[in-house]
Structure formats: structure tokens, C-alpha cells
Amino acid sequence: MTLRDAKPIPNRPDVRDSGTVPEPRKDIERRGDAPERSPQRERPLISRTFAAAPATSNGGSSAVTPRDSTPSYAAQRTETHAEVEAETHVLTIEHFNLHYGKHHALHDINMNIPEGMVTALIGPSGCGKSTLLRSVNRLNDLVDNVHIDGAMRFRGENIYAKNVDVIELRKRLGMVFQKSNPFPMSIFENVVYARRIAGERNRRTLREVCEKSLRGAALWDEVKDRLDGSALALSGGQQQRLCIARAIAAEPDVLLMDEPCSALDPIATAKVEDLIYSLRGRYTVLIVTHNMQQASRVSDYTAFMYLGRLIEYGPTAAIYQNPRLRQTEDYVTGRFG
């Protein structure tokens, strides 16, 4: 028998080959609002600008996007869960757009960050997570040809206003980068660096700040006997926790973390995750991560971004177990990204 005589093996039936669009799955359609969550603090809520999701022709909520059709992200609005809006917010982002030259990197971002909680930004590479994070403490000001419009408000004050002191802003919005960056000096001097440049000279005060910060970063017991040793001699995980301690020493209101565990081994990653989990309540944490499991372990709220847009934002358990949009489910279950 020749190859010409061989009969082709029939393909497995697949709705994507049939040319028909599958019916939306009922198990991931929009659910009713979950029970309201008691506010963490008694301060009034910051005003919100989230728009309601578009309604269908039958008066119900909008249907999910079929898995094999291309969603129209340009027309899609953020699906924000009611639990997010019930919180007290420390940071409010309203209609925020960012352009790198002619490239539109962030599209009309509307997002409120709950105070004292851990919020994770997830999404595939290049979707704008780190760009959004860096915009919060204006690190993108250092990039040429960047244009922004919209507003970011930290405790009601527009952080992009002309009269804002960027140095003071960054003291209140601490940053921990993807790669640990300890200074080439002692462990002690690394931790108290922010206090020294602020003018603090009292040695006793500096020692108290150092111990408090290292304890807060779960590093004190490991380095208390070698504070005068070089920070560069620490392991990768210890260096990352040292950078967190250095950020804590400045007494920020918000900690911004850009993939803090991406270069760490599993043991060091577990320690940093435990630290992040322990910081809730004392600090507001906004973390970027590519690790789906990490986001589910450490965060209270999760925001899914794609192609520079915020797609869905809600409690972490709801995003992972009961997402309202099909593209969110496809990402968290690994169908793309």
C-alpha cells in the first residue's frame, strides 16, 4: 500500500472546526453580588468611578465571551466585584492611560486599592502590570517620551499634580524590585539608609529602627549577630527580605512589589510569601506576579490584566474559583498566557 492509497485518519470533532460558536457555559455566568464585607476601618470610602457591566438584550447581565472567539477589548469595561468597592481605599486610579511614544500601553484603567490588604496584579507578559505598578510611585517619569492622562489619587491627592514632591511620595509608596538590590554596605546601613538621608543621626534610634524593620521582614534572627557584615554576603532570599526591611524602615503606607520572588528558589520564595502574608493589616501591598499559585496564596484581591486593560478585579477566591468572565477563567486555568 502506498501513501496515496492510505485513508486519512478522521479528525476528532471540535467546535472550533465546525464553524459554530459554542453556547456560553452556565457555570461561569455572572453571579449575584456576594454578601457585603464589613469595612476594615471607619473612614468614609473614596469615591468610585466604576461603570456597570453592559446588559444583554434580555435585560440580564452580559454573557461571557466564547473561548474561541476574539473578544472586543476596546469596548469591554472592567468587571469589578462588589467586595472591592465595599472596602476603604488608599489608592484610587481613574481613567488612567499611558503611552510610550505612539504605543498605547495602558488603556483607561479604573481601579481602587483596598487599604491594609494584599492586591495581586496578574496577566501574561507585556500586559502592563509592571507599567501600572511603576506608575503608582512615578518611576515612569524617568522614561523618555512617556505621556499619561487620567488620575491616580493617594489618600485623595492626585500623585501626578504639579505640586507633588516626588521624593516624599516615594517614601510613602515603597518599592521592592524584581531583582534584589542591596547597597554595597553593611546590613545595618542598608536598613537605616532611608532614615540617615532623612537626617536621623541618633545611633540608638537607628538601632531600634534596624531591629524593628528586620523583625518585620522576618530576618532579624538570621542576621542579628552580623549587622556590620556586608549585605552582599547574604543569600538571594535574604537579600530580597533585606530590601523589604529597607523599604519598611521608611515607614511607607503602601509597598509595591514587582515580582519579588521571580529569581528565588522555592524555599526562599516560601519565606518571602510568608512575609508578604504577614504584612497585611500593617501595610497595603500591591504585588505583580506571574505565579498563579503565589497570587492565590498571598493576596486578598486579584486583578487580571490583558493587552494593557484591566479585565476583571475581585476577591482572589472568586477570581480563581468563580470568575465572571470567560477570558479570566481561560487565563487562571492555563488555557493561554
Protein backbone atom coordinates (compact mmCIF):
# COMPACT_ATOMS: atom_id res chain seq x y z
CA MET A 1 0.00 0.00 0.00
CA THR A 2 1.35 3.40 -0.92
CA LEU A 3 0.88 6.68 0.91
CA ARG A 4 -1.57 7.67 -1.82
CA ASP A 5 -3.77 4.65 -1.02
CA ALA A 6 -3.77 5.28 2.73
CA LYS A 7 -7.01 6.63 4.15
CA PRO A 8 -6.73 9.78 6.24
CA ILE A 9 -7.48 9.44 9.93
CA PRO A 10 -10.62 11.42 10.71
CA ASN A 11 -10.08 14.42 12.97
CA ARG A 12 -11.59 14.47 16.43
CA PRO A 13 -14.81 16.53 16.44
CA ASP A 14 -14.15 20.02 17.71
CA VAL A 15 -16.46 23.01 17.88
CA ARG A 16 -13.63 25.20 16.69
CA ASP A 17 -13.53 23.24 13.41
CA SER A 18 -17.30 23.23 12.93
CA GLY A 19 -17.56 26.96 12.37
CA THR A 20 -20.20 27.31 15.07
CA VAL A 21 -19.88 29.28 18.28
CA PRO A 22 -20.49 27.25 21.44
CA GLU A 23 -23.14 28.32 23.87
CA PRO A 24 -21.75 30.23 26.85
CA ARG A 25 -21.22 27.93 29.80
CA LYS A 26 -23.78 28.50 32.50
CA ASP A 27 -21.43 27.64 35.35
CA ILE A 28 -19.36 30.80 34.83
CA GLU A 29 -22.03 33.34 34.05
CA ARG A 30 -22.29 36.34 36.29
CA ARG A 31 -23.36 35.55 39.80
CA GLY A 32 -25.24 37.76 42.19
CA ASP A 33 -23.27 40.01 44.46
CA ALA A 34 -21.63 38.24 47.37
CA PRO A 35 -22.54 39.25 50.95
CA GLU A 36 -21.12 42.62 51.83
CA ARG A 37 -17.86 42.55 53.69
CA SER A 38 -17.54 44.64 56.84
CA PRO A 39 -15.26 47.67 56.34
CA GLN A 40 -11.79 47.33 57.83
CA ARG A 41 -11.79 50.94 59.02
CA GLU A 42 -14.37 53.54 59.89
CA ARG A 43 -13.15 56.18 57.45
CA PRO A 44 -15.55 57.02 54.58
CA LEU A 45 -15.00 55.35 51.26
CA ILE A 46 -13.19 57.12 48.45
CA SER A 47 -15.50 57.91 45.56
CA ARG A 48 -15.56 55.29 42.84
CA THR A 49 -16.00 55.60 39.09
CA PHE A 50 -16.52 52.00 38.05
CA ALA A 51 -19.15 51.61 35.34
CA ALA A 52 -21.68 48.81 35.41
CA ALA A 53 -21.14 45.89 33.06
CA PRO A 54 -23.12 46.16 29.81
CA ALA A 55 -26.52 44.49 29.82
CA THR A 56 -27.73 42.00 27.28
CA SER A 57 -30.81 42.41 25.12
CA ASN A 58 -32.90 40.34 27.52
CA GLY A 59 -32.13 42.69 30.40
CA GLY A 60 -29.71 40.36 32.17
CA SER A 61 -26.02 40.64 32.69
CA SER A 62 -23.64 40.42 29.76
CA ALA A 63 -22.76 36.94 28.58
CA VAL A 64 -19.28 35.54 28.82
CA THR A 65 -17.06 35.59 25.75
CA PRO A 66 -16.93 32.21 23.93
CA ARG A 67 -13.48 30.67 24.30
CA ASP A 68 -12.68 30.54 20.59
CA SER A 69 -13.98 33.95 19.58
CA THR A 70 -11.89 37.10 19.78
CA PRO A 71 -13.21 39.47 22.49
CA SER A 72 -13.51 43.17 21.71
CA TYR A 73 -11.27 44.55 24.44
CA ALA A 74 -11.57 48.08 23.11
CA ALA A 75 -15.25 48.13 24.07
CA GLN A 76 -15.01 45.99 27.20
CA ARG A 77 -15.23 47.57 30.64
CA THR A 78 -13.62 46.25 33.78
CA GLU A 79 -15.67 43.65 35.63
CA THR A 80 -15.27 44.80 39.25
CA HIS A 81 -16.72 42.72 42.07
CA ALA A 82 -18.82 44.41 44.73
CA GLU A 83 -16.49 43.30 47.53
CA VAL A 84 -13.75 45.59 46.22
CA GLU A 85 -15.99 48.62 46.32
CA ALA A 86 -17.07 47.86 49.90
CA GLU A 87 -13.51 48.36 51.20
CA THR A 88 -11.78 51.52 52.33
CA HIS A 89 -9.34 52.54 49.61
CA VAL A 90 -5.88 54.00 49.99
CA LEU A 91 -5.24 54.42 46.25
CA THR A 92 -7.74 55.32 43.52
CA ILE A 93 -6.94 55.05 39.80
CA GLU A 94 -9.34 56.80 37.44
CA HIS A 95 -9.34 56.61 33.62
CA PHE A 96 -5.57 56.21 33.60
CA ASN A 97 -3.85 55.95 30.22
CA LEU A 98 -0.14 55.71 29.50
CA HIS A 99 1.67 56.00 26.16
CA TYR A 100 5.28 55.15 25.32
CA GLY A 101 5.58 57.43 22.31
CA LYS A 102 2.91 56.17 19.90
CA HIS A 103 2.43 52.89 21.78
CA HIS A 104 -0.66 52.90 23.99
CA ALA A 105 0.49 50.75 26.95
CA LEU A 106 -2.35 51.25 29.48
CA HIS A 107 -5.96 51.75 28.43
CA ASP A 108 -8.46 53.55 30.67
CA ILE A 109 -7.56 51.82 33.94
CA ASN A 110 -10.12 52.26 36.73
CA MET A 111 -9.10 50.56 39.95
CA ASN A 112 -9.35 51.07 43.71
CA ILE A 113 -6.74 49.52 46.01
CA PRO A 114 -8.14 48.40 49.40
CA GLU A 115 -6.27 49.64 52.44
CA GLY A 116 -4.40 47.11 54.58
CA MET A 117 -4.86 44.33 52.04
CA VAL A 118 -2.66 42.45 49.57
CA THR A 119 -3.70 43.01 45.94
CA ALA A 120 -2.10 40.95 43.17
CA LEU A 121 -1.78 42.01 39.53
CA ILE A 122 -1.74 39.00 37.19
CA GLY A 123 -1.68 38.57 33.44
CA PRO A 124 0.61 37.43 30.62
CA SER A 125 3.92 39.12 29.87
CA GLY A 126 3.56 42.53 28.27
CA CYS A 127 0.03 43.18 29.52
CA GLY A 128 1.03 46.29 31.50
CA LYS A 129 1.27 45.00 35.08
CA SER A 130 4.72 46.40 35.86
CA THR A 131 3.99 49.59 33.91
CA LEU A 132 0.95 50.20 36.12
CA LEU A 133 2.92 49.40 39.28
CA ARG A 134 5.76 51.75 38.31
CA SER A 135 3.24 54.47 37.54
CA VAL A 136 1.99 54.42 41.12
CA ASN A 137 5.17 55.98 42.50
CA ARG A 138 6.05 57.75 39.25
CA LEU A 139 9.05 55.69 38.23
CA ASN A 140 7.89 56.08 34.63
CA ASP A 141 8.78 59.77 34.94
CA LEU A 142 12.35 58.62 34.32
CA VAL A 143 11.45 57.12 30.92
CA ASP A 144 11.70 59.35 27.84
CA ASN A 145 8.67 60.06 25.68
CA VAL A 146 6.07 58.90 28.21
CA HIS A 147 2.65 60.57 28.19
CA ILE A 148 -0.10 59.94 30.73
CA ASP A 149 -3.64 61.16 31.27
CA GLY A 150 -6.24 60.36 33.88
CA ALA A 151 -5.66 60.44 37.62
CA MET A 152 -4.08 58.43 40.42
CA ARG A 153 -5.08 59.56 43.89
CA PHE A 154 -3.24 58.54 47.04
CA ARG A 155 -5.46 59.29 50.03
CA GLY A 156 -7.40 61.73 47.86
CA GLU A 157 -4.39 63.63 46.48
CA ASN A 158 -3.51 63.38 42.79
CA ILE A 159 0.03 61.99 42.73
CA TYR A 160 0.59 63.48 39.26
CA ALA A 161 -0.25 67.03 40.36
CA LYS A 162 2.48 69.55 39.63
CA ASN A 163 2.93 70.49 43.30
CA VAL A 164 3.59 66.90 44.48
CA ASP A 165 7.04 66.25 45.97
CA VAL A 166 8.04 63.02 44.21
CA ILE A 167 10.70 62.19 46.83
CA GLU A 168 8.17 62.40 49.65
CA LEU A 169 5.70 60.42 47.58
CA ARG A 170 8.19 57.56 47.13
CA LYS A 171 8.83 57.49 50.87
CA ARG A 172 5.14 56.72 51.38
CA LEU A 173 4.96 54.30 48.44
CA GLY A 174 7.90 51.95 48.95
CA MET A 175 9.17 49.82 46.04
CA VAL A 176 10.68 46.32 46.04
CA PHE A 177 12.08 45.33 42.66
CA GLN A 178 12.21 42.03 40.82
CA LYS A 179 15.95 41.64 41.40
CA SER A 180 17.20 42.27 44.92
CA ASN A 181 19.42 45.34 45.03
CA PRO A 182 21.19 45.65 48.40
CA PHE A 183 23.64 48.52 48.62
CA PRO A 184 27.37 47.69 48.88
CA MET A 185 27.48 48.44 52.59
CA SER A 186 26.69 46.70 55.87
CA ILE A 187 23.35 45.11 56.68
CA PHE A 188 22.76 47.77 59.32
CA GLU A 189 23.49 50.67 56.96
CA ASN A 190 21.25 49.16 54.28
CA VAL A 191 18.27 49.06 56.62
CA VAL A 192 18.69 52.56 58.10
CA TYR A 193 19.68 54.21 54.82
CA ALA A 194 16.34 56.00 54.36
CA ARG A 195 16.47 57.33 57.93
CA ARG A 196 20.03 58.56 57.52
CA ILE A 197 19.30 60.55 54.37
CA ALA A 198 16.25 61.98 56.18
CA GLY A 199 18.64 63.43 58.76
CA GLU A 200 18.43 60.94 61.63
CA ARG A 201 21.76 60.73 63.46
CA ASN A 202 20.86 59.23 66.84
CA ARG A 203 22.56 55.83 66.99
CA ARG A 204 20.10 54.39 69.48
CA THR A 205 17.13 55.39 67.32
CA LEU A 206 18.77 53.90 64.25
CA ARG A 207 19.40 50.60 66.04
CA GLU A 208 15.77 50.47 67.13
CA VAL A 209 14.64 51.13 63.55
CA CYS A 210 17.01 48.45 62.25
CA GLU A 211 15.78 45.77 64.65
CA LYS A 212 12.12 46.64 64.15
CA SER A 213 12.45 46.57 60.36
CA LEU A 214 14.43 43.31 60.28
CA ARG A 215 11.91 41.67 62.59
CA GLY A 216 9.12 42.95 60.34
CA ALA A 217 10.91 41.34 57.39
CA ALA A 218 11.42 38.04 59.29
CA LEU A 219 15.19 38.42 59.00
CA TRP A 220 16.34 39.53 62.46
CA ASP A 221 17.09 36.08 63.88
CA GLU A 222 19.24 35.23 60.86
CA VAL A 223 21.42 38.36 60.82
CA LYS A 224 21.34 39.87 64.32
CA ASP A 225 24.89 38.71 65.02
CA ARG A 226 26.39 40.13 61.82
CA LEU A 227 24.76 43.50 61.31
CA ASP A 228 28.14 45.01 60.48
CA GLY A 229 28.79 42.39 57.79
CA SER A 230 28.33 43.07 54.10
CA ALA A 231 24.79 42.80 52.77
CA LEU A 232 26.20 41.33 49.57
CA ALA A 233 27.25 38.22 51.52
CA LEU A 234 23.60 37.26 52.17
CA SER A 235 21.78 34.63 50.14
CA GLY A 236 19.34 35.67 47.41
CA GLY A 237 16.29 35.19 49.59
CA GLN A 238 17.89 37.04 52.48
CA GLN A 239 18.85 39.92 50.20
CA GLN A 240 15.27 40.24 48.99
CA ARG A 241 13.96 40.29 52.56
CA LEU A 242 16.65 42.86 53.42
CA CYS A 243 15.30 45.07 50.62
CA ILE A 244 11.81 44.67 52.09
CA ALA A 245 13.20 45.63 55.52
CA ARG A 246 14.85 48.69 53.96
CA ALA A 247 11.51 49.69 52.45
CA ILE A 248 9.70 49.12 55.76
CA ALA A 249 12.24 51.30 57.63
CA ALA A 250 10.99 54.35 55.72
CA GLU A 251 7.52 53.67 57.23
CA PRO A 252 5.56 53.69 53.95
CA ASP A 253 1.80 53.38 53.68
CA VAL A 254 1.99 51.16 50.59
CA LEU A 255 4.50 48.53 49.49
CA LEU A 256 4.83 48.00 45.74
CA MET A 257 6.40 44.66 44.77
CA ASP A 258 7.41 43.82 41.21
CA GLU A 259 7.74 40.02 41.02
CA PRO A 260 9.81 39.84 44.24
CA CYS A 261 10.21 36.04 44.09
CA SER A 262 10.94 35.52 40.40
CA ALA A 263 14.68 34.92 40.95
CA LEU A 264 14.40 32.91 44.16
CA ASP A 265 14.43 29.19 44.89
CA PRO A 266 11.29 27.53 46.35
CA ILE A 267 12.49 27.71 49.97
CA ALA A 268 13.37 31.42 49.75
CA THR A 269 10.12 32.05 47.87
CA ALA A 270 8.10 30.44 50.67
CA LYS A 271 9.76 32.69 53.25
CA VAL A 272 9.05 35.83 51.23
CA GLU A 273 5.45 34.72 50.68
CA ASP A 274 5.02 34.18 54.43
CA LEU A 275 6.41 37.67 54.95
CA ILE A 276 4.03 39.23 52.43
CA TYR A 277 1.10 37.44 54.06
CA SER A 278 2.15 38.75 57.49
CA LEU A 279 2.35 42.36 56.25
CA ARG A 280 -1.40 42.64 55.60
CA GLY A 281 -3.10 44.97 58.03
CA ARG A 282 0.09 46.91 58.76
CA TYR A 283 0.72 47.84 55.13
CA THR A 284 -1.16 47.94 51.88
CA VAL A 285 0.66 45.65 49.42
CA LEU A 286 0.34 45.79 45.63
CA ILE A 287 2.26 42.92 44.04
CA VAL A 288 2.92 41.91 40.43
CA THR A 289 3.39 38.19 39.88
CA HIS A 290 3.42 35.66 37.04
CA ASN A 291 2.98 32.82 39.52
CA MET A 292 -0.71 31.92 39.67
CA GLN A 293 -0.30 29.82 42.80
CA GLN A 294 1.62 32.59 44.53
CA ALA A 295 -1.13 35.11 43.86
CA SER A 296 -3.74 32.71 45.24
CA ARG A 297 -1.68 32.11 48.39
CA VAL A 298 -0.72 35.63 49.40
CA SER A 299 -3.37 38.02 48.09
CA ASP A 300 -6.79 39.14 49.28
CA TYR A 301 -7.77 40.63 45.92
CA THR A 302 -6.62 39.84 42.38
CA ALA A 303 -6.74 41.97 39.24
CA PHE A 304 -6.41 40.29 35.84
CA MET A 305 -4.85 42.43 33.10
CA TYR A 306 -4.59 41.72 29.37
CA LEU A 307 -3.34 43.84 26.47
CA GLY A 308 -2.98 46.91 28.68
CA ARG A 309 -6.52 46.69 30.06
CA LEU A 310 -7.91 45.69 33.43
CA ILE A 311 -10.30 42.85 32.62
CA GLU A 312 -11.62 41.58 35.97
CA TYR A 313 -10.94 42.60 39.56
CA GLY A 314 -12.28 40.96 42.70
CA PRO A 315 -11.58 38.75 45.71
CA THR A 316 -8.86 36.21 44.98
CA ALA A 317 -11.08 33.23 45.78
CA ALA A 318 -13.73 34.46 43.35
CA ILE A 319 -11.24 35.17 40.55
CA TYR A 320 -9.76 31.67 40.81
CA GLN A 321 -12.84 29.61 41.63
CA ASN A 322 -15.76 31.53 40.18
CA PRO A 323 -14.65 34.16 37.62
CA ARG A 324 -17.38 36.11 35.90
CA LEU A 325 -15.66 36.40 32.52
CA ARG A 326 -14.56 33.59 30.24
CA GLN A 327 -11.18 35.18 29.42
CA THR A 328 -10.38 35.35 33.15
CA GLU A 329 -11.20 31.67 33.53
CA ASP A 330 -9.10 30.81 30.48
CA TYR A 331 -6.07 32.57 31.95
CA VAL A 332 -6.24 31.29 35.53
CA THR A 333 -6.81 27.72 34.28
CA GLY A 334 -3.83 27.90 31.93
CA ARG A 335 -5.60 27.85 28.56
CA PHE A 336 -3.49 30.80 27.46
CA GLY A 337 -0.77 33.10 28.81
